[in-house]
Amino acid sequence: MSQADINIGANQSGLAYRTADNNGKKALLNHHKGATEPSYKEAGMIWLDDTATPWILKIYDGGAFISLGEINATADTFVP
């Protein structure tokens, strides 16, 4: 799971800031992959729900996450 708080905050040490920044970048790179929806949401955000196989790719419309398709990482397939 790679989900991170989108707010890094002020007055952090260099290492703490860099760690928070890197965690945020990881979340973006893997589409906020996790078993629960991210606590932070913005319209247009993509979330890869890995609760079960196949994984479900979802997009947030401002009110709820809408399923876009299924990703089967074992078979390397995507079904819209």
PDB file of N, CA and C in Angstrom:
ATOM      1  N   MET A   1       0.847  -1.175   0.000  1.00  0.00           N
ATOM      2  CA  MET A   1       0.000   0.000   0.000  1.00  0.00           C
ATOM      3  C   MET A   1       0.883   1.226   0.000  1.00  0.00           C
ATOM      4  N   SER A   2       0.556   2.169  -0.848  1.00  0.00           N
ATOM      5  CA  SER A   2       1.302   3.416  -0.844  1.00  0.00           C
ATOM      6  C   SER A   2       0.322   4.578  -0.880  1.00  0.00           C
ATOM      7  N   GLN A   3      -0.057   5.000   0.289  1.00  0.00           N
ATOM      8  CA  GLN A   3      -0.899   6.165   0.432  1.00  0.00           C
ATOM      9  C   GLN A   3      -0.203   7.079   1.429  1.00  0.00           C
ATOM     10  N   ALA A   4      -0.290   8.364   1.200  1.00  0.00           N
ATOM     11  CA  ALA A   4       0.417   9.311   2.054  1.00  0.00           C
ATOM     12  C   ALA A   4      -0.415  10.560   2.262  1.00  0.00           C
ATOM     13  N   ASP A   5      -0.165  11.237   3.354  1.00  0.00           N
ATOM     14  CA  ASP A   5      -0.826  12.515   3.612  1.00  0.00           C
ATOM     15  C   ASP A   5      -0.339  13.509   2.566  1.00  0.00           C
ATOM     16  N   ILE A   6      -1.262  14.217   1.939  1.00  0.00           N
ATOM     17  CA  ILE A   6      -0.871  15.148   0.885  1.00  0.00           C
ATOM     18  C   ILE A   6      -0.253  16.429   1.433  1.00  0.00           C
ATOM     19  N   ASN A   7      -0.405  16.687   2.721  1.00  0.00           N
ATOM     20  CA  ASN A   7       0.183  17.871   3.340  1.00  0.00           C
ATOM     21  C   ASN A   7       1.467  17.484   4.045  1.00  0.00           C
ATOM     22  N   ILE A   8       2.567  18.098   3.625  1.00  0.00           N
ATOM     23  CA  ILE A   8       3.859  17.766   4.216  1.00  0.00           C
ATOM     24  C   ILE A   8       4.048  18.492   5.546  1.00  0.00           C
ATOM     25  N   GLY A   9       3.595  19.706   5.656  1.00  0.00           N
ATOM     26  CA  GLY A   9       3.719  20.441   6.909  1.00  0.00           C
ATOM     27  C   GLY A   9       4.981  21.292   6.961  1.00  0.00           C
ATOM     28  N   ALA A  10       5.002  22.183   7.902  1.00  0.00           N
ATOM     29  CA  ALA A  10       6.121  23.119   8.043  1.00  0.00           C
ATOM     30  C   ALA A  10       7.020  22.713   9.201  1.00  0.00           C
ATOM     31  N   ASN A  11       8.171  23.323   9.249  1.00  0.00           N
ATOM     32  CA  ASN A  11       9.111  23.169  10.360  1.00  0.00           C
ATOM     33  C   ASN A  11       9.564  21.726  10.571  1.00  0.00           C
ATOM     34  N   GLN A  12       9.759  20.998   9.478  1.00  0.00           N
ATOM     35  CA  GLN A  12      10.279  19.643   9.589  1.00  0.00           C
ATOM     36  C   GLN A  12      11.765  19.660   9.278  1.00  0.00           C
ATOM     37  N   SER A  13      12.455  18.664   9.804  1.00  0.00           N
ATOM     38  CA  SER A  13      13.867  18.532   9.468  1.00  0.00           C
ATOM     39  C   SER A  13      13.981  18.153   7.993  1.00  0.00           C
ATOM     40  N   GLY A  14      15.138  18.274   7.443  1.00  0.00           N
ATOM     41  CA  GLY A  14      15.359  17.918   6.051  1.00  0.00           C
ATOM     42  C   GLY A  14      14.987  16.479   5.765  1.00  0.00           C
ATOM     43  N   LEU A  15      15.379  15.556   6.643  1.00  0.00           N
ATOM     44  CA  LEU A  15      15.082  14.148   6.447  1.00  0.00           C
ATOM     45  C   LEU A  15      13.580  13.871   6.534  1.00  0.00           C
ATOM     46  N   ALA A  16      12.903  14.471   7.509  1.00  0.00           N
ATOM     47  CA  ALA A  16      11.463  14.267   7.660  1.00  0.00           C
ATOM     48  C   ALA A  16      10.713  14.821   6.448  1.00  0.00           C
ATOM     49  N   TYR A  17      11.133  15.984   5.974  1.00  0.00           N
ATOM     50  CA  TYR A  17      10.501  16.580   4.796  1.00  0.00           C
ATOM     51  C   TYR A  17      10.712  15.696   3.575  1.00  0.00           C
ATOM     52  N   ARG A  18      11.942  15.256   3.376  1.00  0.00           N
ATOM     53  CA  ARG A  18      12.259  14.422   2.216  1.00  0.00           C
ATOM     54  C   ARG A  18      11.474  13.107   2.262  1.00  0.00           C
ATOM     55  N   THR A  19      11.347  12.504   3.439  1.00  0.00           N
ATOM     56  CA  THR A  19      10.596  11.261   3.584  1.00  0.00           C
ATOM     57  C   THR A  19       9.129  11.480   3.236  1.00  0.00           C
ATOM     58  N   ALA A  20       8.520  12.542   3.749  1.00  0.00           N
ATOM     59  CA  ALA A  20       7.118  12.847   3.451  1.00  0.00           C
ATOM     60  C   ALA A  20       6.930  13.128   1.964  1.00  0.00           C
ATOM     61  N   ASP A  21       7.856  13.852   1.366  1.00  0.00           N
ATOM     62  CA  ASP A  21       7.783  14.161  -0.060  1.00  0.00           C
ATOM     63  C   ASP A  21       7.904  12.882  -0.895  1.00  0.00           C
ATOM     64  N   ASN A  22       8.835  12.025  -0.548  1.00  0.00           N
ATOM     65  CA  ASN A  22       9.012  10.771  -1.281  1.00  0.00           C
ATOM     66  C   ASN A  22       7.786   9.868  -1.143  1.00  0.00           C
ATOM     67  N   ASN A  23       7.182   9.811   0.045  1.00  0.00           N
ATOM     68  CA  ASN A  23       5.973   9.009   0.243  1.00  0.00           C
ATOM     69  C   ASN A  23       4.829   9.516  -0.625  1.00  0.00           C
ATOM     70  N   GLY A  24       4.696  10.821  -0.743  1.00  0.00           N
ATOM     71  CA  GLY A  24       3.672  11.405  -1.606  1.00  0.00           C
ATOM     72  C   GLY A  24       3.897  11.056  -3.067  1.00  0.00           C
ATOM     73  N   LYS A  25       5.145  11.081  -3.487  1.00  0.00           N
ATOM     74  CA  LYS A  25       5.465  10.727  -4.875  1.00  0.00           C
ATOM     75  C   LYS A  25       5.171   9.253  -5.148  1.00  0.00           C
ATOM     76  N   LYS A  26       5.473   8.383  -4.195  1.00  0.00           N
ATOM     77  CA  LYS A  26       5.170   6.956  -4.361  1.00  0.00           C
ATOM     78  C   LYS A  26       3.674   6.736  -4.515  1.00  0.00           C
ATOM     79  N   ALA A  27       2.879   7.451  -3.722  1.00  0.00           N
ATOM     80  CA  ALA A  27       1.424   7.322  -3.807  1.00  0.00           C
ATOM     81  C   ALA A  27       0.928   7.722  -5.196  1.00  0.00           C
ATOM     82  N   LEU A  28       1.497   8.766  -5.765  1.00  0.00           N
ATOM     83  CA  LEU A  28       1.106   9.190  -7.109  1.00  0.00           C
ATOM     84  C   LEU A  28       1.522   8.173  -8.158  1.00  0.00           C
ATOM     85  N   LEU A  29       2.716   7.634  -8.003  1.00  0.00           N
ATOM     86  CA  LEU A  29       3.236   6.693  -8.993  1.00  0.00           C
ATOM     87  C   LEU A  29       2.441   5.395  -9.055  1.00  0.00           C
ATOM     88  N   ASN A  30       1.904   4.933  -7.940  1.00  0.00           N
ATOM     89  CA  ASN A  30       1.169   3.664  -7.957  1.00  0.00           C
ATOM     90  C   ASN A  30      -0.344   3.865  -7.799  1.00  0.00           C
ATOM     91  N   HIS A  31      -0.819   5.056  -8.080  1.00  0.00           N
ATOM     92  CA  HIS A  31      -2.248   5.375  -8.061  1.00  0.00           C
ATOM     93  C   HIS A  31      -2.893   5.147  -6.694  1.00  0.00           C
ATOM     94  N   HIS A  32      -2.165   5.483  -5.638  1.00  0.00           N
ATOM     95  CA  HIS A  32      -2.684   5.406  -4.268  1.00  0.00           C
ATOM     96  C   HIS A  32      -3.163   3.986  -3.943  1.00  0.00           C
ATOM     97  N   LYS A  33      -2.414   3.001  -4.417  1.00  0.00           N
ATOM     98  CA  LYS A  33      -2.771   1.583  -4.269  1.00  0.00           C
ATOM     99  C   LYS A  33      -2.929   1.219  -2.800  1.00  0.00           C
ATOM    100  N   GLY A  34      -4.049   0.558  -2.481  1.00  0.00           N
ATOM    101  CA  GLY A  34      -4.293   0.130  -1.116  1.00  0.00           C
ATOM    102  C   GLY A  34      -5.646  -0.543  -0.986  1.00  0.00           C
ATOM    103  N   ALA A  35      -5.858  -1.167   0.158  1.00  0.00           N
ATOM    104  CA  ALA A  35      -7.099  -1.903   0.403  1.00  0.00           C
ATOM    105  C   ALA A  35      -8.241  -0.998   0.865  1.00  0.00           C
ATOM    106  N   THR A  36      -7.935   0.210   1.273  1.00  0.00           N
ATOM    107  CA  THR A  36      -8.981   1.160   1.670  1.00  0.00           C
ATOM    108  C   THR A  36      -8.795   2.441   0.878  1.00  0.00           C
ATOM    109  N   GLU A  37      -9.898   3.110   0.615  1.00  0.00           N
ATOM    110  CA  GLU A  37      -9.780   4.350  -0.154  1.00  0.00           C
ATOM    111  C   GLU A  37      -8.985   5.375   0.637  1.00  0.00           C
ATOM    112  N   PRO A  38      -8.204   6.195  -0.052  1.00  0.00           N
ATOM    113  CA  PRO A  38      -7.416   7.210   0.638  1.00  0.00           C
ATOM    114  C   PRO A  38      -8.316   8.180   1.406  1.00  0.00           C
ATOM    115  N   SER A  39      -7.837   8.637   2.547  1.00  0.00           N
ATOM    116  CA  SER A  39      -8.612   9.597   3.342  1.00  0.00           C
ATOM    117  C   SER A  39      -8.651  10.959   2.667  1.00  0.00           C
ATOM    118  N   TYR A  40      -7.678  11.236   1.836  1.00  0.00           N
ATOM    119  CA  TYR A  40      -7.613  12.487   1.074  1.00  0.00           C
ATOM    120  C   TYR A  40      -8.158  12.187  -0.314  1.00  0.00           C
ATOM    121  N   LYS A  41      -9.056  13.011  -0.811  1.00  0.00           N
ATOM    122  CA  LYS A  41      -9.656  12.782  -2.119  1.00  0.00           C
ATOM    123  C   LYS A  41      -9.813  14.101  -2.854  1.00  0.00           C
ATOM    124  N   GLU A  42      -9.600  14.063  -4.147  1.00  0.00           N
ATOM    125  CA  GLU A  42      -9.835  15.197  -5.033  1.00  0.00           C
ATOM    126  C   GLU A  42     -10.519  14.653  -6.281  1.00  0.00           C
ATOM    127  N   ALA A  43     -11.439  15.390  -6.849  1.00  0.00           N
ATOM    128  CA  ALA A  43     -12.075  14.962  -8.088  1.00  0.00           C
ATOM    129  C   ALA A  43     -11.003  14.712  -9.145  1.00  0.00           C
ATOM    130  N   GLY A  44     -11.108  13.576  -9.800  1.00  0.00           N
ATOM    131  CA  GLY A  44     -10.138  13.191 -10.822  1.00  0.00           C
ATOM    132  C   GLY A  44      -9.043  12.267 -10.314  1.00  0.00           C
ATOM    133  N   MET A  45      -9.007  12.044  -9.013  1.00  0.00           N
ATOM    134  CA  MET A  45      -7.984  11.182  -8.412  1.00  0.00           C
ATOM    135  C   MET A  45      -8.242   9.724  -8.758  1.00  0.00           C
ATOM    136  N   ILE A  46      -7.174   8.995  -9.076  1.00  0.00           N
ATOM    137  CA  ILE A  46      -7.269   7.572  -9.374  1.00  0.00           C
ATOM    138  C   ILE A  46      -6.781   6.779  -8.169  1.00  0.00           C
ATOM    139  N   TRP A  47      -7.505   5.696  -7.854  1.00  0.00           N
ATOM    140  CA  TRP A  47      -7.148   4.810  -6.744  1.00  0.00           C
ATOM    141  C   TRP A  47      -7.175   3.374  -7.241  1.00  0.00           C
ATOM    142  N   LEU A  48      -6.120   2.633  -6.967  1.00  0.00           N
ATOM    143  CA  LEU A  48      -6.051   1.221  -7.308  1.00  0.00           C
ATOM    144  C   LEU A  48      -6.402   0.416  -6.063  1.00  0.00           C
ATOM    145  N   ASP A  49      -7.622  -0.085  -6.028  1.00  0.00           N
ATOM    146  CA  ASP A  49      -8.149  -0.828  -4.880  1.00  0.00           C
ATOM    147  C   ASP A  49      -7.666  -2.279  -4.975  1.00  0.00           C
ATOM    148  N   ASP A  50      -6.754  -2.660  -4.061  1.00  0.00           N
ATOM    149  CA  ASP A  50      -6.194  -4.015  -4.101  1.00  0.00           C
ATOM    150  C   ASP A  50      -6.756  -4.909  -2.992  1.00  0.00           C
ATOM    151  N   THR A  51      -8.011  -4.632  -2.596  1.00  0.00           N
ATOM    152  CA  THR A  51      -8.666  -5.429  -1.563  1.00  0.00           C
ATOM    153  C   THR A  51      -8.711  -6.906  -1.951  1.00  0.00           C
ATOM    154  N   ALA A  52      -8.969  -7.190  -3.206  1.00  0.00           N
ATOM    155  CA  ALA A  52      -9.079  -8.558  -3.706  1.00  0.00           C
ATOM    156  C   ALA A  52      -8.488  -8.629  -5.105  1.00  0.00           C
ATOM    157  N   THR A  53      -8.382  -9.837  -5.621  1.00  0.00           N
ATOM    158  CA  THR A  53      -7.947 -10.022  -7.004  1.00  0.00           C
ATOM    159  C   THR A  53      -9.174 -10.361  -7.826  1.00  0.00           C
ATOM    160  N   PRO A  54      -9.438  -9.708  -8.934  1.00  0.00           N
ATOM    161  CA  PRO A  54      -8.589  -8.690  -9.540  1.00  0.00           C
ATOM    162  C   PRO A  54      -8.693  -7.351  -8.810  1.00  0.00           C
ATOM    163  N   TRP A  55      -7.654  -6.545  -8.973  1.00  0.00           N
ATOM    164  CA  TRP A  55      -7.663  -5.193  -8.419  1.00  0.00           C
ATOM    165  C   TRP A  55      -8.655  -4.364  -9.225  1.00  0.00           C
ATOM    166  N   ILE A  56      -9.231  -3.336  -8.587  1.00  0.00           N
ATOM    167  CA  ILE A  56     -10.189  -2.458  -9.260  1.00  0.00           C
ATOM    168  C   ILE A  56      -9.586  -1.056  -9.379  1.00  0.00           C
ATOM    169  N   LEU A  57      -9.502  -0.563 -10.607  1.00  0.00           N
ATOM    170  CA  LEU A  57      -9.041   0.800 -10.850  1.00  0.00           C
ATOM    171  C   LEU A  57     -10.244   1.721 -10.773  1.00  0.00           C
ATOM    172  N   LYS A  58     -10.155   2.752  -9.913  1.00  0.00           N
ATOM    173  CA  LYS A  58     -11.299   3.638  -9.672  1.00  0.00           C
ATOM    174  C   LYS A  58     -10.885   5.096  -9.828  1.00  0.00           C
ATOM    175  N   ILE A  59     -11.845   5.942 -10.149  1.00  0.00           N
ATOM    176  CA  ILE A  59     -11.618   7.385 -10.238  1.00  0.00           C
ATOM    177  C   ILE A  59     -12.652   8.085  -9.354  1.00  0.00           C
ATOM    178  N   TYR A  60     -12.214   9.150  -8.684  1.00  0.00           N
ATOM    179  CA  TYR A  60     -13.100   9.900  -7.787  1.00  0.00           C
ATOM    180  C   TYR A  60     -13.769  11.025  -8.565  1.00  0.00           C
ATOM    181  N   ASP A  61     -15.092  11.089  -8.515  1.00  0.00           N
ATOM    182  CA  ASP A  61     -15.844  12.094  -9.269  1.00  0.00           C
ATOM    183  C   ASP A  61     -16.229  13.309  -8.428  1.00  0.00           C
ATOM    184  N   GLY A  62     -15.709  13.381  -7.219  1.00  0.00           N
ATOM    185  CA  GLY A  62     -16.055  14.476  -6.321  1.00  0.00           C
ATOM    186  C   GLY A  62     -17.052  14.052  -5.256  1.00  0.00           C
ATOM    187  N   GLY A  63     -17.684  12.894  -5.448  1.00  0.00           N
ATOM    188  CA  GLY A  63     -18.642  12.386  -4.473  1.00  0.00           C
ATOM    189  C   GLY A  63     -18.414  10.934  -4.102  1.00  0.00           C
ATOM    190  N   ALA A  64     -17.879  10.172  -5.063  1.00  0.00           N
ATOM    191  CA  ALA A  64     -17.640   8.744  -4.829  1.00  0.00           C
ATOM    192  C   ALA A  64     -16.608   8.235  -5.831  1.00  0.00           C
ATOM    193  N   PHE A  65     -16.020   7.082  -5.513  1.00  0.00           N
ATOM    194  CA  PHE A  65     -15.119   6.427  -6.447  1.00  0.00           C
ATOM    195  C   PHE A  65     -15.939   5.588  -7.422  1.00  0.00           C
ATOM    196  N   ILE A  66     -15.657   5.721  -8.711  1.00  0.00           N
ATOM    197  CA  ILE A  66     -16.334   4.991  -9.768  1.00  0.00           C
ATOM    198  C   ILE A  66     -15.345   3.984 -10.356  1.00  0.00           C
ATOM    199  N   SER A  67     -15.772   2.750 -10.529  1.00  0.00           N
ATOM    200  CA  SER A  67     -14.903   1.713 -11.087  1.00  0.00           C
ATOM    201  C   SER A  67     -14.677   1.945 -12.576  1.00  0.00           C
ATOM    202  N   LEU A  68     -13.401   1.879 -12.980  1.00  0.00           N
ATOM    203  CA  LEU A  68     -13.037   2.014 -14.390  1.00  0.00           C
ATOM    204  C   LEU A  68     -12.762   0.658 -15.030  1.00  0.00           C
ATOM    205  N   GLY A  69     -12.254  -0.279 -14.234  1.00  0.00           N
ATOM    206  CA  GLY A  69     -11.945  -1.588 -14.773  1.00  0.00           C
ATOM    207  C   GLY A  69     -11.222  -2.447 -13.763  1.00  0.00           C
ATOM    208  N   GLU A  70     -10.957  -3.691 -14.195  1.00  0.00           N
ATOM    209  CA  GLU A  70     -10.303  -4.668 -13.330  1.00  0.00           C
ATOM    210  C   GLU A  70      -8.914  -4.989 -13.856  1.00  0.00           C
ATOM    211  N   ILE A  71      -7.960  -5.050 -12.942  1.00  0.00           N
ATOM    212  CA  ILE A  71      -6.587  -5.418 -13.283  1.00  0.00           C
ATOM    213  C   ILE A  71      -6.270  -6.737 -12.605  1.00  0.00           C
ATOM    214  N   ASN A  72      -5.909  -7.732 -13.408  1.00  0.00           N
ATOM    215  CA  ASN A  72      -5.485  -9.010 -12.867  1.00  0.00           C
ATOM    216  C   ASN A  72      -3.972  -9.067 -12.992  1.00  0.00           C
ATOM    217  N   ALA A  73      -3.271  -8.857 -11.879  1.00  0.00           N
ATOM    218  CA  ALA A  73      -1.813  -8.799 -11.887  1.00  0.00           C
ATOM    219  C   ALA A  73      -1.190 -10.174 -12.136  1.00  0.00           C
ATOM    220  N   THR A  74      -1.930 -11.241 -11.863  1.00  0.00           N
ATOM    221  CA  THR A  74      -1.421 -12.584 -12.112  1.00  0.00           C
ATOM    222  C   THR A  74      -1.449 -12.912 -13.609  1.00  0.00           C
ATOM    223  N   ALA A  75      -2.564 -12.583 -14.251  1.00  0.00           N
ATOM    224  CA  ALA A  75      -2.722 -12.871 -15.672  1.00  0.00           C
ATOM    225  C   ALA A  75      -2.251 -11.730 -16.563  1.00  0.00           C
ATOM    226  N   ASP A  76      -1.881 -10.600 -15.943  1.00  0.00           N
ATOM    227  CA  ASP A  76      -1.478  -9.398 -16.693  1.00  0.00           C
ATOM    228  C   ASP A  76      -2.556  -8.952 -17.683  1.00  0.00           C
ATOM    229  N   THR A  77      -3.785  -8.801 -17.155  1.00  0.00           N
ATOM    230  CA  THR A  77      -4.894  -8.385 -18.006  1.00  0.00           C
ATOM    231  C   THR A  77      -5.630  -7.208 -17.389  1.00  0.00           C
ATOM    232  N   PHE A  78      -6.294  -6.451 -18.246  1.00  0.00           N
ATOM    233  CA  PHE A  78      -7.163  -5.351 -17.832  1.00  0.00           C
ATOM    234  C   PHE A  78      -8.491  -5.520 -18.539  1.00  0.00           C
ATOM    235  N   VAL A  79      -9.582  -5.467 -17.776  1.00  0.00           N
ATOM    236  CA  VAL A  79     -10.919  -5.559 -18.346  1.00  0.00           C
ATOM    237  C   VAL A  79     -11.681  -4.306 -17.937  1.00  0.00           C
ATOM    238  N   PRO A  80     -12.066  -3.475 -18.930  1.00  0.00           N
ATOM    239  CA  PRO A  80     -12.816  -2.256 -18.591  1.00  0.00           C
ATOM    240  C   PRO A  80     -14.192  -2.567 -18.017  1.00  0.00           C
TER     241      PRO A  80
END
